[in-house]
Amino acid sequence: MERRELEQTIERIEAAIADIRPFLNADGGDITLEEVTADGVVRVRLHGACTSCAMSPMTMKAGVEEAIKRVAPQIKAVEAVNLGAVV
């Protein structure tokens, strides 16, 4: 991705995360964008209750990944990173 395209993509991803954040906050969790790689992988960090929730994988796939890919279809994958490890 070119720099300008990357900046626009990050803006769209941040907006998508802002849209789903209230749902995570309602359950005691949160999410932040950590990185968008040059090869189209988005890395997010889950916080609070989301780090230990058994539903986190479903939230990542059906919620976070879907929301991000809707606004940035060029994204290949969305990964959750916690404490330096990919979850």
Protein backbone atom coordinates (compact mmCIF):
# COMPACT_ATOMS: atom_id res chain seq x y z
CA MET A 1 0.00 0.00 0.00
CA GLU A 2 1.16 3.49 -0.76
CA ARG A 3 1.48 5.91 2.14
CA ARG A 4 -1.65 7.93 1.32
CA GLU A 5 -3.69 4.77 0.76
CA LEU A 6 -2.43 3.39 4.07
CA GLU A 7 -3.40 6.60 5.89
CA GLN A 8 -6.90 6.51 4.40
CA THR A 9 -7.25 2.83 5.26
CA ILE A 10 -6.21 3.47 8.87
CA GLU A 11 -8.78 6.28 9.12
CA ARG A 12 -11.53 3.96 7.87
CA ILE A 13 -10.42 1.17 10.23
CA GLU A 14 -10.39 3.56 13.20
CA ALA A 15 -13.93 4.64 12.29
CA ALA A 16 -15.09 1.01 12.10
CA ILE A 17 -13.53 0.29 15.49
CA ALA A 18 -15.23 3.39 16.93
CA ASP A 19 -18.57 2.02 15.68
CA ILE A 20 -18.17 -1.31 17.48
CA ARG A 21 -16.44 0.05 20.60
CA PRO A 22 -19.71 0.82 22.48
CA PHE A 23 -20.73 -2.83 22.23
CA LEU A 24 -17.40 -3.96 23.69
CA ASN A 25 -17.53 -1.23 26.38
CA ALA A 26 -21.00 -2.44 27.41
CA ASP A 27 -19.47 -5.80 28.33
CA GLY A 28 -16.47 -4.27 30.13
CA GLY A 29 -14.04 -4.50 27.22
CA ASP A 30 -12.37 -2.29 24.67
CA ILE A 31 -10.26 -2.50 21.52
CA THR A 32 -7.42 -0.48 20.01
CA LEU A 33 -5.76 -0.57 16.63
CA GLU A 34 -2.13 -1.62 17.00
CA GLU A 35 -0.89 -1.97 13.43
CA VAL A 36 -1.76 -2.26 9.78
CA THR A 37 0.97 -4.17 7.97
CA ALA A 38 2.11 -3.51 4.42
CA ASP A 39 0.69 -6.87 3.36
CA GLY A 40 -2.83 -6.05 4.60
CA VAL A 41 -3.00 -7.54 8.08
CA VAL A 42 -4.69 -5.54 10.83
CA ARG A 43 -3.59 -6.16 14.39
CA VAL A 44 -5.85 -5.04 17.22
CA ARG A 45 -5.49 -5.29 20.98
CA LEU A 46 -8.42 -6.34 23.13
CA HIS A 47 -8.67 -4.85 26.62
CA GLY A 48 -10.57 -5.47 29.83
CA ALA A 49 -13.14 -8.24 29.87
CA CYS A 50 -12.42 -9.01 26.19
CA THR A 51 -9.00 -10.46 27.01
CA SER A 52 -10.44 -13.39 28.94
CA CYS A 53 -13.87 -13.76 27.37
CA ALA A 54 -14.66 -17.13 25.81
CA MET A 55 -16.60 -15.30 23.08
CA SER A 56 -13.57 -13.25 21.96
CA PRO A 57 -12.84 -15.43 18.90
CA MET A 58 -16.44 -15.03 17.73
CA THR A 59 -16.35 -11.29 18.43
CA MET A 60 -13.14 -11.02 16.40
CA LYS A 61 -14.51 -12.94 13.41
CA ALA A 62 -18.16 -11.90 13.27
CA GLY A 63 -17.77 -8.40 14.69
CA VAL A 64 -14.37 -6.82 14.38
CA GLU A 65 -13.11 -8.49 11.20
CA GLU A 66 -16.43 -8.04 9.41
CA ALA A 67 -16.62 -4.34 10.35
CA ILE A 68 -13.05 -3.68 9.23
CA LYS A 69 -13.31 -5.60 5.96
CA ARG A 70 -16.56 -3.78 5.16
CA VAL A 71 -14.75 -0.41 5.16
CA ALA A 72 -11.39 -1.72 3.92
CA PRO A 73 -11.93 -4.73 1.62
CA GLN A 74 -8.21 -4.86 0.76
CA ILE A 75 -7.49 -6.12 4.30
CA LYS A 76 -6.58 -9.80 4.21
CA ALA A 77 -6.80 -10.65 7.92
CA VAL A 78 -7.54 -9.23 11.34
CA GLU A 79 -5.60 -10.57 14.33
CA ALA A 80 -5.91 -9.92 18.04
CA VAL A 81 -2.66 -9.42 19.88
CA ASN A 82 -2.45 -9.55 23.67
CA LEU A 83 0.67 -9.38 25.76
CA GLY A 84 2.82 -9.79 22.67
CA ALA A 85 1.17 -13.01 21.54
CA VAL A 86 -1.23 -13.47 18.66
CA VAL A 87 -4.48 -14.92 19.94
